[in-house]
Structures are given as structure tokens and as C-alpha cells.
Amino acid sequence: MSSNRTSPGMGALGALAVCAAALAAASACKSDGDGNNTTTTTSTTSTTGSGASGGGGGNGTGGTGLVDACPGPGYESPTPTQETVGAVSAIVQLPGGAPATNITGTVCGLNICIYGTPAANGNILIDVGAQLMIEPRFTWGDGLDYPKLAAHIPTFPAHDFGVVNTAALPALTGGGPMTAGASWLSNGASLTIDVGALVEFDYLIYPDEPQHEFRAVEIPTNGTAIPALQADLELVYGFSPIHTHICPAAGLILPNPPAWAAGTVVEFFLHGTTVFQDFAPYGGWAKIAEGTVSADGLTVSTSPGEGVTELDVIGVRVKP
């Protein structure tokens, strides 16, 4: 459907030290084709809108304004685990059982990332090669054709996840990049960004402005295998462009396929797919807002003054 606008071993410690320095400079570590550690910048940023900012403000390029204005709570583990990782595999399917063609996967820790090649038939195999990794996670999807999901790896050195599920993001329509002062629609999801808000995109994933279009897809939870999923989340949506920061938080409205009763109070959770862990734990979930089911029972929306500061996969449950 369309998207449019409506108005710590020695080796690990050494690598961690390198990566810590890179993280301080807004970078992440990965592996080159020979398995050597390299550093790649991952947060070239731009701000749009007219809000005041210490990093540039207004339209154009900024760097620190959004981080200063809307910092995440941070979810770094005080005692990160280390594991020797061998090979990780999975078969990624779409709702209905079709393969997720050309989907990419990674095994990423806080010290190194190993990237798999696109899997034409949805069968992902990533041979890490007995690397010592800190807090490793398996991720599938990269926020371009599919949402990005991240799961804890339960067994080492090797683990086969078997069948895991995702959903395909809608194609780009040319609807234009998200900007402040408008609502953005896709597959029944609506994101409303305040006038004067700051919006920052991840230009390493989305180097071209047309890729900054708002896109959304429901990831079915009933009868599907999603090892990243928090068990009590009944409604899950994946979004693009991922890792987009919005300040102040944008209001979110989603359809109500669980058919919760009108007025039901719900909670919104953000899924963490980045090692920076500013807004959610890596491979986990963090509550970001509360909300309610509409009077007609058709939608669920975040409460006024609450919403989305980091765009990624978002899940909803009835408030306990």
C-alpha cells in the first residue's frame, strides 16, 4: 500500500576498546571481508524543521541538537557477556510461508559485526568463524526492504533459529521525506511530527533523500515465529527509515487488529536493533509511551505528549 503525506578475553577487550572509542565518535565496529576489525561511521545526521538546536537547528545539517534535546535513557549492560560464536543460521519467511527473498542478516556484538550475503531464498547462514563477541545478537532485515529485528542467540558457538518470520515493507512511492509539521501515512499507520520538531536520519543506511519516506508494515504475531518478540505484545509494526530520531516525540496511531475494546489503555514498546542502546536494549524492548484504543475501537494511539523518539519496530500490548 502507498505511503503519503496528509498536511572482555584479551582479544575481545582490545576490540571493545577500539569500538568504545568509535562509539564515542558515533561509530560502530564491523568486519571487513578478511575478518579484520574496521570502523565505519554510522550516524551522519541531518536535521529538518525549525526547532532550536545546539547542533545546527532549522533546516540543514546538524549533529548534536537532537541528542542534547531528547536523549535516550540508555540501556547498556554493566556486565556485558562474551561468547565465542561459530555459525548462525535461519530460514526467514513472510506471512503465508513465502521466502523473504534477498533478505540480509548479521551477527553483531558490541565489538564486531559479521555481515551475511543477501539470501535469495530466505536461507541465512553466517559463519562467524569462532569470534569472541560481546553481547552478540542475530539480526535479519536492514530497514530497506524488510524491518530490522534482533534476537538473543540462545546457544553457542553455533545456533540454528529454524524458521523465523518478517514482513515486507511497502515499496517507495515518491511521497517525499518525513518533515516536521505533517502526518505521514503507510499501511494504516500514522506518524504525526510536530511543527518545529527535529528529525535526524541515518545517512549510512539511507543516503538518498527519497529513502527518507515513511513506510510501515504490520508483522503478524499470531502463529508466527519471531524469536525477537516479547511474548505479550499482540500488535507489532515495523517501520522505515529505521534509527530516525524525532524530537519532540511524534504521535503514533495504529490499526487495532487485536480488536481491543474502546478505551482500553495500552503500552507502546520500542525494539532495540542498534548497539548504541540509547532508546531500547539491544535485542530487547523498552516502554516508550502509553495510549488508548479509540472510541470507535478502530485504532490505538499514543497519549498526548508521548510517542516515538526513535523509529524502528514497535510493539503494543494491553497495560497490565
C-alpha atoms as a PDB file:
ATOM      1  CA  MET A   1       0.000   0.000   0.000  1.00  0.00           C
ATOM      2  CA  SER A   2       1.044   3.540  -0.512  1.00  0.00           C
ATOM      3  CA  SER A   3       2.820   5.951   1.771  1.00  0.00           C
ATOM      4  CA  ASN A   4       1.873   9.621   1.629  1.00  0.00           C
ATOM      5  CA  ARG A   5       1.681  12.971   3.386  1.00  0.00           C
ATOM      6  CA  THR A   6      -1.586  14.413   4.687  1.00  0.00           C
ATOM      7  CA  SER A   7      -0.769  18.149   5.866  1.00  0.00           C
ATOM      8  CA  PRO A   8      36.022  -8.665  27.944  1.00  0.00           C
ATOM      9  CA  GLY A   9      39.386 -12.138  26.861  1.00  0.00           C
ATOM     10  CA  MET A  10      42.192 -10.010  25.624  1.00  0.00           C
ATOM     11  CA  GLY A  11      41.133 -10.105  22.005  1.00  0.00           C
ATOM     12  CA  ALA A  12      37.621  -9.012  22.889  1.00  0.00           C
ATOM     13  CA  LEU A  13      38.826  -6.357  25.266  1.00  0.00           C
ATOM     14  CA  GLY A  14      41.137  -4.962  22.623  1.00  0.00           C
ATOM     15  CA  ALA A  15      38.355  -4.895  20.070  1.00  0.00           C
ATOM     16  CA  LEU A  16      35.978  -3.418  22.646  1.00  0.00           C
ATOM     17  CA  ALA A  17      38.453  -0.646  23.380  1.00  0.00           C
ATOM     18  CA  VAL A  18      38.639   0.153  19.690  1.00  0.00           C
ATOM     19  CA  CYS A  19      34.878   0.047  19.393  1.00  0.00           C
ATOM     20  CA  ALA A  20      34.330   2.108  22.547  1.00  0.00           C
ATOM     21  CA  ALA A  21      36.399   4.874  21.048  1.00  0.00           C
ATOM     22  CA  ALA A  22      34.447   4.556  17.825  1.00  0.00           C
ATOM     23  CA  LEU A  23      31.141   4.625  19.675  1.00  0.00           C
ATOM     24  CA  ALA A  24      32.185   7.803  21.395  1.00  0.00           C
ATOM     25  CA  ALA A  25      32.583   9.270  17.931  1.00  0.00           C
ATOM     26  CA  ALA A  26      29.181   7.870  16.854  1.00  0.00           C
ATOM     27  CA  SER A  27      30.657   4.882  15.045  1.00  0.00           C
ATOM     28  CA  ALA A  28      30.222   1.108  15.179  1.00  0.00           C
ATOM     29  CA  CYS A  29      32.616  -1.742  14.529  1.00  0.00           C
ATOM     30  CA  LYS A  30      32.300  -4.333  11.823  1.00  0.00           C
ATOM     31  CA  SER A  31      34.423  -6.860   9.965  1.00  0.00           C
ATOM     32  CA  ASP A  32      35.857  -6.483   6.510  1.00  0.00           C
ATOM     33  CA  GLY A  33      35.968  -9.338   4.046  1.00  0.00           C
ATOM     34  CA  ASP A  34      39.103 -10.769   5.648  1.00  0.00           C
ATOM     35  CA  GLY A  35      37.601 -10.787   9.147  1.00  0.00           C
ATOM     36  CA  ASN A  36      39.684  -7.832  10.331  1.00  0.00           C
ATOM     37  CA  ASN A  37      38.137  -5.216  12.563  1.00  0.00           C
ATOM     38  CA  THR A  38      37.388  -1.924  10.869  1.00  0.00           C
ATOM     39  CA  THR A  39      35.471   1.138  11.953  1.00  0.00           C
ATOM     40  CA  THR A  40      32.579   2.530   9.982  1.00  0.00           C
ATOM     41  CA  THR A  41      30.706   5.724  10.851  1.00  0.00           C
ATOM     42  CA  THR A  42      27.010   5.074  11.305  1.00  0.00           C
ATOM     43  CA  SER A  43      25.435   8.337  12.331  1.00  0.00           C
ATOM     44  CA  THR A  44      25.995  11.041   9.783  1.00  0.00           C
ATOM     45  CA  THR A  45      22.983  13.149  10.622  1.00  0.00           C
ATOM     46  CA  SER A  46      20.761  15.830   9.263  1.00  0.00           C
ATOM     47  CA  THR A  47      18.087  17.832  10.980  1.00  0.00           C
ATOM     48  CA  THR A  48      14.952  19.163   9.428  1.00  0.00           C
ATOM     49  CA  GLY A  49      12.399  21.507  10.888  1.00  0.00           C
ATOM     50  CA  SER A  50      12.785  24.811  12.614  1.00  0.00           C
ATOM     51  CA  GLY A  51      13.275  23.999  16.282  1.00  0.00           C
ATOM     52  CA  ALA A  52      16.161  25.482  18.243  1.00  0.00           C
ATOM     53  CA  SER A  53      19.155  23.209  18.477  1.00  0.00           C
ATOM     54  CA  GLY A  54      22.701  23.213  19.706  1.00  0.00           C
ATOM     55  CA  GLY A  55      23.704  21.236  16.624  1.00  0.00           C
ATOM     56  CA  GLY A  56      22.551  23.479  13.811  1.00  0.00           C
ATOM     57  CA  GLY A  57      18.779  23.779  14.247  1.00  0.00           C
ATOM     58  CA  GLY A  58      16.425  24.727  11.451  1.00  0.00           C
ATOM     59  CA  ASN A  59      16.789  23.209   8.039  1.00  0.00           C
ATOM     60  CA  GLY A  60      20.178  21.860   7.049  1.00  0.00           C
ATOM     61  CA  THR A  61      22.776  19.750   8.766  1.00  0.00           C
ATOM     62  CA  GLY A  62      23.273  19.380  12.482  1.00  0.00           C
ATOM     63  CA  GLY A  63      24.932  16.891  14.747  1.00  0.00           C
ATOM     64  CA  THR A  64      24.207  17.274  18.442  1.00  0.00           C
ATOM     65  CA  GLY A  65      20.982  19.235  18.746  1.00  0.00           C
ATOM     66  CA  LEU A  66      18.618  16.270  18.821  1.00  0.00           C
ATOM     67  CA  VAL A  67      20.809  14.207  21.102  1.00  0.00           C
ATOM     68  CA  ASP A  68      21.000  17.129  23.518  1.00  0.00           C
ATOM     69  CA  ALA A  69      17.281  17.889  23.343  1.00  0.00           C
ATOM     70  CA  CYS A  70      15.872  14.337  23.520  1.00  0.00           C
ATOM     71  CA  PRO A  71      18.489  11.979  24.945  1.00  0.00           C
ATOM     72  CA  GLY A  72      17.546   8.349  25.371  1.00  0.00           C
ATOM     73  CA  PRO A  73      17.614   6.797  28.848  1.00  0.00           C
ATOM     74  CA  GLY A  74      20.394   4.361  27.835  1.00  0.00           C
ATOM     75  CA  TYR A  75      20.291   0.590  28.341  1.00  0.00           C
ATOM     76  CA  GLU A  76      23.931  -0.527  28.343  1.00  0.00           C
ATOM     77  CA  SER A  77      24.610  -3.632  30.451  1.00  0.00           C
ATOM     78  CA  PRO A  78      27.045  -3.012  33.339  1.00  0.00           C
ATOM     79  CA  THR A  79      28.393  -6.572  32.895  1.00  0.00           C
ATOM     80  CA  PRO A  80      28.281  -7.436  29.175  1.00  0.00           C
ATOM     81  CA  THR A  81      28.630 -11.107  28.339  1.00  0.00           C
ATOM     82  CA  GLN A  82      31.233 -12.564  25.995  1.00  0.00           C
ATOM     83  CA  GLU A  83      30.621 -15.587  23.797  1.00  0.00           C
ATOM     84  CA  THR A  84      32.560 -17.455  21.138  1.00  0.00           C
ATOM     85  CA  VAL A  85      30.313 -17.510  18.088  1.00  0.00           C
ATOM     86  CA  GLY A  86      30.655 -20.009  15.258  1.00  0.00           C
ATOM     87  CA  ALA A  87      27.789 -20.141  12.757  1.00  0.00           C
ATOM     88  CA  VAL A  88      24.247 -18.793  12.942  1.00  0.00           C
ATOM     89  CA  SER A  89      21.501 -19.772  10.523  1.00  0.00           C
ATOM     90  CA  ALA A  90      17.792 -19.156   9.927  1.00  0.00           C
ATOM     91  CA  ILE A  91      15.087 -19.503   7.294  1.00  0.00           C
ATOM     92  CA  VAL A  92      13.225 -16.209   7.005  1.00  0.00           C
ATOM     93  CA  GLN A  93       9.646 -16.319   5.761  1.00  0.00           C
ATOM     94  CA  LEU A  94       6.870 -13.860   5.003  1.00  0.00           C
ATOM     95  CA  PRO A  95       3.305 -14.231   6.297  1.00  0.00           C
ATOM     96  CA  GLY A  96       1.858 -17.178   4.409  1.00  0.00           C
ATOM     97  CA  GLY A  97       5.167 -19.017   4.182  1.00  0.00           C
ATOM     98  CA  ALA A  98       6.809 -17.458   1.116  1.00  0.00           C
ATOM     99  CA  PRO A  99      10.583 -16.907   1.455  1.00  0.00           C
ATOM    100  CA  ALA A 100      11.850 -13.439   2.297  1.00  0.00           C
ATOM    101  CA  THR A 101      13.907 -13.086  -0.878  1.00  0.00           C
ATOM    102  CA  ASN A 102      17.236 -11.271  -0.784  1.00  0.00           C
ATOM    103  CA  ILE A 103      16.987 -10.573   2.923  1.00  0.00           C
ATOM    104  CA  THR A 104      20.220  -9.785   4.734  1.00  0.00           C
ATOM    105  CA  GLY A 105      21.351 -10.960   8.151  1.00  0.00           C
ATOM    106  CA  THR A 106      24.123 -10.095  10.576  1.00  0.00           C
ATOM    107  CA  VAL A 107      25.669 -11.361  13.770  1.00  0.00           C
ATOM    108  CA  CYS A 108      26.636  -8.240  15.670  1.00  0.00           C
ATOM    109  CA  GLY A 109      28.196  -7.720  19.044  1.00  0.00           C
ATOM    110  CA  LEU A 110      29.368  -4.575  20.748  1.00  0.00           C
ATOM    111  CA  ASN A 111      32.855  -5.204  19.367  1.00  0.00           C
ATOM    112  CA  ILE A 112      32.336  -6.564  15.850  1.00  0.00           C
ATOM    113  CA  CYS A 113      29.683  -7.208  13.191  1.00  0.00           C
ATOM    114  CA  ILE A 114      29.756 -10.039  10.662  1.00  0.00           C
ATOM    115  CA  TYR A 115      27.528  -9.453   7.642  1.00  0.00           C
ATOM    116  CA  GLY A 116      25.960 -12.240   5.647  1.00  0.00           C
ATOM    117  CA  THR A 117      25.313 -12.050   1.924  1.00  0.00           C
ATOM    118  CA  PRO A 118      21.714 -11.422   0.771  1.00  0.00           C
ATOM    119  CA  ALA A 119      19.807 -14.711   0.878  1.00  0.00           C
ATOM    120  CA  ALA A 120      17.877 -15.171  -2.368  1.00  0.00           C
ATOM    121  CA  ASN A 121      15.675 -17.892  -0.859  1.00  0.00           C
ATOM    122  CA  GLY A 122      15.478 -16.525   2.664  1.00  0.00           C
ATOM    123  CA  ASN A 123      18.043 -19.038   3.996  1.00  0.00           C
ATOM    124  CA  ILE A 124      20.585 -17.094   6.027  1.00  0.00           C
ATOM    125  CA  LEU A 125      23.882 -18.676   7.068  1.00  0.00           C
ATOM    126  CA  ILE A 126      26.511 -16.525   8.755  1.00  0.00           C
ATOM    127  CA  ASP A 127      29.803 -18.229   9.577  1.00  0.00           C
ATOM    128  CA  VAL A 128      31.342 -16.048  12.256  1.00  0.00           C
ATOM    129  CA  GLY A 129      34.451 -18.240  12.470  1.00  0.00           C
ATOM    130  CA  ALA A 130      34.776 -18.704  16.239  1.00  0.00           C
ATOM    131  CA  GLN A 131      34.968 -14.988  17.022  1.00  0.00           C
ATOM    132  CA  LEU A 132      34.836 -13.825  20.630  1.00  0.00           C
ATOM    133  CA  MET A 133      31.923 -11.388  20.613  1.00  0.00           C
ATOM    134  CA  ILE A 134      30.472  -9.143  23.294  1.00  0.00           C
ATOM    135  CA  GLU A 135      26.673  -9.261  23.648  1.00  0.00           C
ATOM    136  CA  PRO A 136      26.143 -10.902  20.223  1.00  0.00           C
ATOM    137  CA  ARG A 137      22.744 -10.746  18.543  1.00  0.00           C
ATOM    138  CA  PHE A 138      21.366 -12.178  15.317  1.00  0.00           C
ATOM    139  CA  THR A 139      19.580  -9.610  13.162  1.00  0.00           C
ATOM    140  CA  TRP A 140      17.566 -10.043   9.987  1.00  0.00           C
ATOM    141  CA  GLY A 141      16.314  -7.278   7.716  1.00  0.00           C
ATOM    142  CA  ASP A 142      18.049  -3.926   7.307  1.00  0.00           C
ATOM    143  CA  GLY A 143      15.218  -1.393   7.232  1.00  0.00           C
ATOM    144  CA  LEU A 144      15.280  -1.086   3.437  1.00  0.00           C
ATOM    145  CA  ASP A 145      13.100  -3.928   2.105  1.00  0.00           C
ATOM    146  CA  TYR A 146      12.284  -5.506   5.455  1.00  0.00           C
ATOM    147  CA  PRO A 147      12.055  -4.212   9.043  1.00  0.00           C
ATOM    148  CA  LYS A 148      15.065  -4.952  11.189  1.00  0.00           C
ATOM    149  CA  LEU A 149      14.691  -7.448  14.040  1.00  0.00           C
ATOM    150  CA  ALA A 150      17.341  -8.518  16.569  1.00  0.00           C
ATOM    151  CA  ALA A 151      17.309 -11.648  18.715  1.00  0.00           C
ATOM    152  CA  HIS A 152      19.483 -13.004  21.526  1.00  0.00           C
ATOM    153  CA  ILE A 153      21.431 -16.089  20.406  1.00  0.00           C
ATOM    154  CA  PRO A 154      20.500 -18.871  22.844  1.00  0.00           C
ATOM    155  CA  THR A 155      23.276 -21.427  22.196  1.00  0.00           C
ATOM    156  CA  PHE A 156      26.997 -21.119  21.396  1.00  0.00           C
ATOM    157  CA  PRO A 157      29.158 -21.498  19.441  1.00  0.00           C
ATOM    158  CA  ALA A 158      26.505 -22.329  16.817  1.00  0.00           C
ATOM    159  CA  HIS A 159      22.746 -21.876  16.639  1.00  0.00           C
ATOM    160  CA  ASP A 160      20.070 -22.609  14.052  1.00  0.00           C
ATOM    161  CA  PHE A 161      16.989 -20.458  14.592  1.00  0.00           C
ATOM    162  CA  GLY A 162      14.962 -22.518  12.145  1.00  0.00           C
ATOM    163  CA  VAL A 163      12.030 -20.648  10.627  1.00  0.00           C
ATOM    164  CA  VAL A 164      11.704 -17.009  11.620  1.00  0.00           C
ATOM    165  CA  ASN A 165       9.224 -14.500  10.272  1.00  0.00           C
ATOM    166  CA  THR A 166       9.119 -10.972   8.988  1.00  0.00           C
ATOM    167  CA  ALA A 167       7.001  -8.860   6.629  1.00  0.00           C
ATOM    168  CA  ALA A 168       7.988  -6.847   3.573  1.00  0.00           C
ATOM    169  CA  LEU A 169       7.970  -3.074   3.755  1.00  0.00           C
ATOM    170  CA  PRO A 170       5.891  -1.344   1.068  1.00  0.00           C
ATOM    171  CA  ALA A 171       7.758  -0.008  -1.935  1.00  0.00           C
ATOM    172  CA  LEU A 172       8.845   3.604  -2.012  1.00  0.00           C
ATOM    173  CA  THR A 173       6.179   5.732  -3.672  1.00  0.00           C
ATOM    174  CA  GLY A 174       7.962   9.056  -4.065  1.00  0.00           C
ATOM    175  CA  GLY A 175       5.874  10.594  -1.305  1.00  0.00           C
ATOM    176  CA  GLY A 176       8.850  12.593  -0.058  1.00  0.00           C
ATOM    177  CA  PRO A 177      10.964  12.577   3.098  1.00  0.00           C
ATOM    178  CA  MET A 178       9.420  12.954   6.529  1.00  0.00           C
ATOM    179  CA  THR A 179       9.472  16.534   7.728  1.00  0.00           C
ATOM    180  CA  ALA A 180       8.089  18.418  10.702  1.00  0.00           C
ATOM    181  CA  GLY A 181       4.559  19.742  10.812  1.00  0.00           C
ATOM    182  CA  ALA A 182       2.780  16.916   8.981  1.00  0.00           C
ATOM    183  CA  SER A 183       1.254  13.466   9.384  1.00  0.00           C
ATOM    184  CA  TRP A 184       2.708  10.558   7.451  1.00  0.00           C
ATOM    185  CA  LEU A 185       0.661   7.502   6.476  1.00  0.00           C
ATOM    186  CA  SER A 186       1.540   3.955   5.454  1.00  0.00           C
ATOM    187  CA  ASN A 187      -0.409   0.678   5.711  1.00  0.00           C
ATOM    188  CA  GLY A 188      -2.843   2.121   8.248  1.00  0.00           C
ATOM    189  CA  ALA A 189      -0.125   3.595  10.485  1.00  0.00           C
ATOM    190  CA  SER A 190       0.043   7.351  11.010  1.00  0.00           C
ATOM    191  CA  LEU A 191       3.004   9.294  12.413  1.00  0.00           C
ATOM    192  CA  THR A 192       2.444  12.959  13.285  1.00  0.00           C
ATOM    193  CA  ILE A 193       5.527  15.148  13.697  1.00  0.00           C
ATOM    194  CA  ASP A 194       5.130  18.474  15.499  1.00  0.00           C
ATOM    195  CA  VAL A 195       5.774  21.789  13.812  1.00  0.00           C
ATOM    196  CA  GLY A 196       9.347  22.797  14.643  1.00  0.00           C
ATOM    197  CA  ALA A 197      10.398  19.252  15.557  1.00  0.00           C
ATOM    198  CA  LEU A 198      13.875  17.996  14.733  1.00  0.00           C
ATOM    199  CA  VAL A 199      14.194  14.927  12.509  1.00  0.00           C
ATOM    200  CA  GLU A 200      17.514  13.069  12.015  1.00  0.00           C
ATOM    201  CA  PHE A 201      18.067  10.255   9.530  1.00  0.00           C
ATOM    202  CA  ASP A 202      20.783   7.591   9.400  1.00  0.00           C
ATOM    203  CA  TYR A 203      22.512   8.529   6.158  1.00  0.00           C
ATOM    204  CA  LEU A 204      24.652   5.388   6.082  1.00  0.00           C
ATOM    205  CA  ILE A 205      21.552   3.241   5.674  1.00  0.00           C
ATOM    206  CA  TYR A 206      19.565   5.829   3.736  1.00  0.00           C
ATOM    207  CA  PRO A 207      21.990   8.022   1.738  1.00  0.00           C
ATOM    208  CA  ASP A 208      19.328   9.260  -0.683  1.00  0.00           C
ATOM    209  CA  GLU A 209      16.559  11.658   0.284  1.00  0.00           C
ATOM    210  CA  PRO A 210      13.762   9.602  -1.376  1.00  0.00           C
ATOM    211  CA  GLN A 211      14.587   6.795   1.083  1.00  0.00           C
ATOM    212  CA  HIS A 212      13.503   9.058   3.961  1.00  0.00           C
ATOM    213  CA  GLU A 213       9.855   8.382   3.156  1.00  0.00           C
ATOM    214  CA  PHE A 214       7.722   6.969   5.996  1.00  0.00           C
ATOM    215  CA  ARG A 215       6.892   3.296   5.450  1.00  0.00           C
ATOM    216  CA  ALA A 216       5.174   0.810   7.757  1.00  0.00           C
ATOM    217  CA  VAL A 217       4.042  -2.814   7.783  1.00  0.00           C
ATOM    218  CA  GLU A 218       2.337  -4.991  10.353  1.00  0.00           C
ATOM    219  CA  ILE A 219       4.381  -8.025  11.403  1.00  0.00           C
ATOM    220  CA  PRO A 220       1.786 -10.671  12.333  1.00  0.00           C
ATOM    221  CA  THR A 221       2.285 -12.209  15.755  1.00  0.00           C
ATOM    222  CA  ASN A 222      -0.313 -14.996  15.784  1.00  0.00           C
ATOM    223  CA  GLY A 223       1.134 -18.340  14.752  1.00  0.00           C
ATOM    224  CA  THR A 224       4.422 -16.850  13.627  1.00  0.00           C
ATOM    225  CA  ALA A 225       7.961 -17.492  14.803  1.00  0.00           C
ATOM    226  CA  ILE A 226       9.666 -14.260  15.809  1.00  0.00           C
ATOM    227  CA  PRO A 227      12.392 -15.032  18.365  1.00  0.00           C
ATOM    228  CA  ALA A 228      12.904 -11.317  18.933  1.00  0.00           C
ATOM    229  CA  LEU A 229       9.296 -10.867  20.062  1.00  0.00           C
ATOM    230  CA  GLN A 230       8.361 -10.031  23.635  1.00  0.00           C
ATOM    231  CA  ALA A 231       5.684 -12.635  24.347  1.00  0.00           C
ATOM    232  CA  ASP A 232       2.874 -10.335  25.480  1.00  0.00           C
ATOM    233  CA  LEU A 233       2.989  -7.950  22.503  1.00  0.00           C
ATOM    234  CA  GLU A 234      -0.125  -8.567  20.413  1.00  0.00           C
ATOM    235  CA  LEU A 235       0.381  -5.830  17.814  1.00  0.00           C
ATOM    236  CA  VAL A 236       3.748  -5.267  16.110  1.00  0.00           C
ATOM    237  CA  TYR A 237       4.659  -2.852  13.318  1.00  0.00           C
ATOM    238  CA  GLY A 238       7.949  -2.434  11.506  1.00  0.00           C
ATOM    239  CA  PHE A 239       8.948   0.984  10.192  1.00  0.00           C
ATOM    240  CA  SER A 240      11.395   2.656   7.843  1.00  0.00           C
ATOM    241  CA  PRO A 241      13.616   4.621   7.856  1.00  0.00           C
ATOM    242  CA  ILE A 242      14.958   2.913  10.974  1.00  0.00           C
ATOM    243  CA  HIS A 243      17.058   4.742  13.565  1.00  0.00           C
ATOM    244  CA  THR A 244      15.339   8.011  12.669  1.00  0.00           C
ATOM    245  CA  HIS A 245      15.338  10.313  15.694  1.00  0.00           C
ATOM    246  CA  ILE A 246      12.430  12.701  16.246  1.00  0.00           C
ATOM    247  CA  CYS A 247      12.334  15.416  18.905  1.00  0.00           C
ATOM    248  CA  PRO A 248       9.887  16.038  20.463  1.00  0.00           C
ATOM    249  CA  ALA A 249       8.339  12.589  20.196  1.00  0.00           C
ATOM    250  CA  ALA A 250       5.948  12.022  17.304  1.00  0.00           C
ATOM    251  CA  GLY A 251       2.416  10.792  17.893  1.00  0.00           C
ATOM    252  CA  LEU A 252       1.653   7.323  16.533  1.00  0.00           C
ATOM    253  CA  ILE A 253      -1.705   5.832  15.520  1.00  0.00           C
ATOM    254  CA  LEU A 254      -2.019   2.163  14.510  1.00  0.00           C
ATOM    255  CA  PRO A 255      -4.923  -0.050  13.438  1.00  0.00           C
ATOM    256  CA  ASN A 256      -6.457  -2.327  16.071  1.00  0.00           C
ATOM    257  CA  PRO A 257      -6.338  -5.864  14.612  1.00  0.00           C
ATOM    258  CA  PRO A 258      -6.415  -7.434  18.131  1.00  0.00           C
ATOM    259  CA  ALA A 259      -9.888  -5.804  18.453  1.00  0.00           C
ATOM    260  CA  TRP A 260      -9.237  -4.376  21.904  1.00  0.00           C
ATOM    261  CA  ALA A 261     -12.285  -2.657  23.380  1.00  0.00           C
ATOM    262  CA  ALA A 262     -12.780   1.096  23.060  1.00  0.00           C
ATOM    263  CA  GLY A 263     -10.962   2.998  25.792  1.00  0.00           C
ATOM    264  CA  THR A 264      -8.547   0.174  26.617  1.00  0.00           C
ATOM    265  CA  VAL A 265      -5.263   1.536  27.957  1.00  0.00           C
ATOM    266  CA  VAL A 266      -2.242   0.172  26.069  1.00  0.00           C
ATOM    267  CA  GLU A 267       1.555   0.413  26.212  1.00  0.00           C
ATOM    268  CA  PHE A 268       3.949   1.001  23.304  1.00  0.00           C
ATOM    269  CA  PHE A 269       7.369  -0.683  23.264  1.00  0.00           C
ATOM    270  CA  LEU A 270      10.392   0.039  21.056  1.00  0.00           C
ATOM    271  CA  HIS A 271      12.580  -2.830  19.828  1.00  0.00           C
ATOM    272  CA  GLY A 272      16.330  -2.239  20.111  1.00  0.00           C
ATOM    273  CA  THR A 273      18.301  -3.090  16.955  1.00  0.00           C
ATOM    274  CA  THR A 274      21.398  -0.954  17.478  1.00  0.00           C
ATOM    275  CA  VAL A 275      24.455  -1.447  19.702  1.00  0.00           C
ATOM    276  CA  PHE A 276      24.153   2.165  20.864  1.00  0.00           C
ATOM    277  CA  GLN A 277      21.160   1.186  23.063  1.00  0.00           C
ATOM    278  CA  ASP A 278      20.113   4.781  23.674  1.00  0.00           C
ATOM    279  CA  PHE A 279      16.366   4.156  23.430  1.00  0.00           C
ATOM    280  CA  ALA A 280      16.000   0.374  23.901  1.00  0.00           C
ATOM    281  CA  PRO A 281      18.216  -2.545  24.970  1.00  0.00           C
ATOM    282  CA  TYR A 282      19.983  -4.323  22.119  1.00  0.00           C
ATOM    283  CA  GLY A 283      17.734  -7.187  21.052  1.00  0.00           C
ATOM    284  CA  GLY A 284      15.152  -6.243  23.685  1.00  0.00           C
ATOM    285  CA  TRP A 285      12.220  -3.916  24.240  1.00  0.00           C
ATOM    286  CA  ALA A 286      11.662  -0.701  26.177  1.00  0.00           C
ATOM    287  CA  LYS A 287       8.400   1.026  27.015  1.00  0.00           C
ATOM    288  CA  ILE A 288       8.205   4.387  25.254  1.00  0.00           C
ATOM    289  CA  ALA A 289       4.592   5.518  25.711  1.00  0.00           C
ATOM    290  CA  GLU A 290       1.092   4.737  26.833  1.00  0.00           C
ATOM    291  CA  GLY A 291      -2.044   5.193  24.814  1.00  0.00           C
ATOM    292  CA  THR A 292      -5.667   4.207  24.344  1.00  0.00           C
ATOM    293  CA  VAL A 293      -7.996   2.500  21.920  1.00  0.00           C
ATOM    294  CA  SER A 294     -10.218   4.980  20.074  1.00  0.00           C
ATOM    295  CA  ALA A 295     -13.910   5.417  20.880  1.00  0.00           C
ATOM    296  CA  ASP A 296     -14.876   3.526  17.725  1.00  0.00           C
ATOM    297  CA  GLY A 297     -12.423   0.726  18.522  1.00  0.00           C
ATOM    298  CA  LEU A 298     -10.676   1.011  15.161  1.00  0.00           C
ATOM    299  CA  THR A 299      -7.277   2.404  16.196  1.00  0.00           C
ATOM    300  CA  VAL A 300      -4.799   2.690  19.067  1.00  0.00           C
ATOM    301  CA  SER A 301      -2.852   5.901  19.596  1.00  0.00           C
ATOM    302  CA  THR A 302      -0.134   7.223  21.864  1.00  0.00           C
ATOM    303  CA  SER A 303      -1.234   9.628  24.584  1.00  0.00           C
ATOM    304  CA  PRO A 304      -0.803  13.396  24.063  1.00  0.00           C
ATOM    305  CA  GLY A 305       2.769  14.428  24.810  1.00  0.00           C
ATOM    306  CA  GLU A 306       4.027  10.853  24.363  1.00  0.00           C
ATOM    307  CA  GLY A 307       5.132   8.935  21.317  1.00  0.00           C
ATOM    308  CA  VAL A 308       8.058   7.902  19.139  1.00  0.00           C
ATOM    309  CA  THR A 309      11.537   9.388  19.526  1.00  0.00           C
ATOM    310  CA  GLU A 310      13.333   6.534  17.725  1.00  0.00           C
ATOM    311  CA  LEU A 311      11.750   4.886  14.680  1.00  0.00           C
ATOM    312  CA  ASP A 312      12.221   1.105  14.467  1.00  0.00           C
ATOM    313  CA  VAL A 313       9.998  -1.897  15.232  1.00  0.00           C
ATOM    314  CA  ILE A 314       7.259  -1.021  17.731  1.00  0.00           C
ATOM    315  CA  GLY A 315       5.006  -3.394  19.678  1.00  0.00           C
ATOM    316  CA  VAL A 316       1.818  -2.771  21.644  1.00  0.00           C
ATOM    317  CA  ARG A 317       0.137  -4.621  24.498  1.00  0.00           C
ATOM    318  CA  VAL A 318      -2.756  -4.020  26.859  1.00  0.00           C
ATOM    319  CA  LYS A 319      -1.442  -2.313  30.004  1.00  0.00           C
ATOM    320  CA  PRO A 320      -1.320  -4.887  32.822  1.00  0.00           C
END
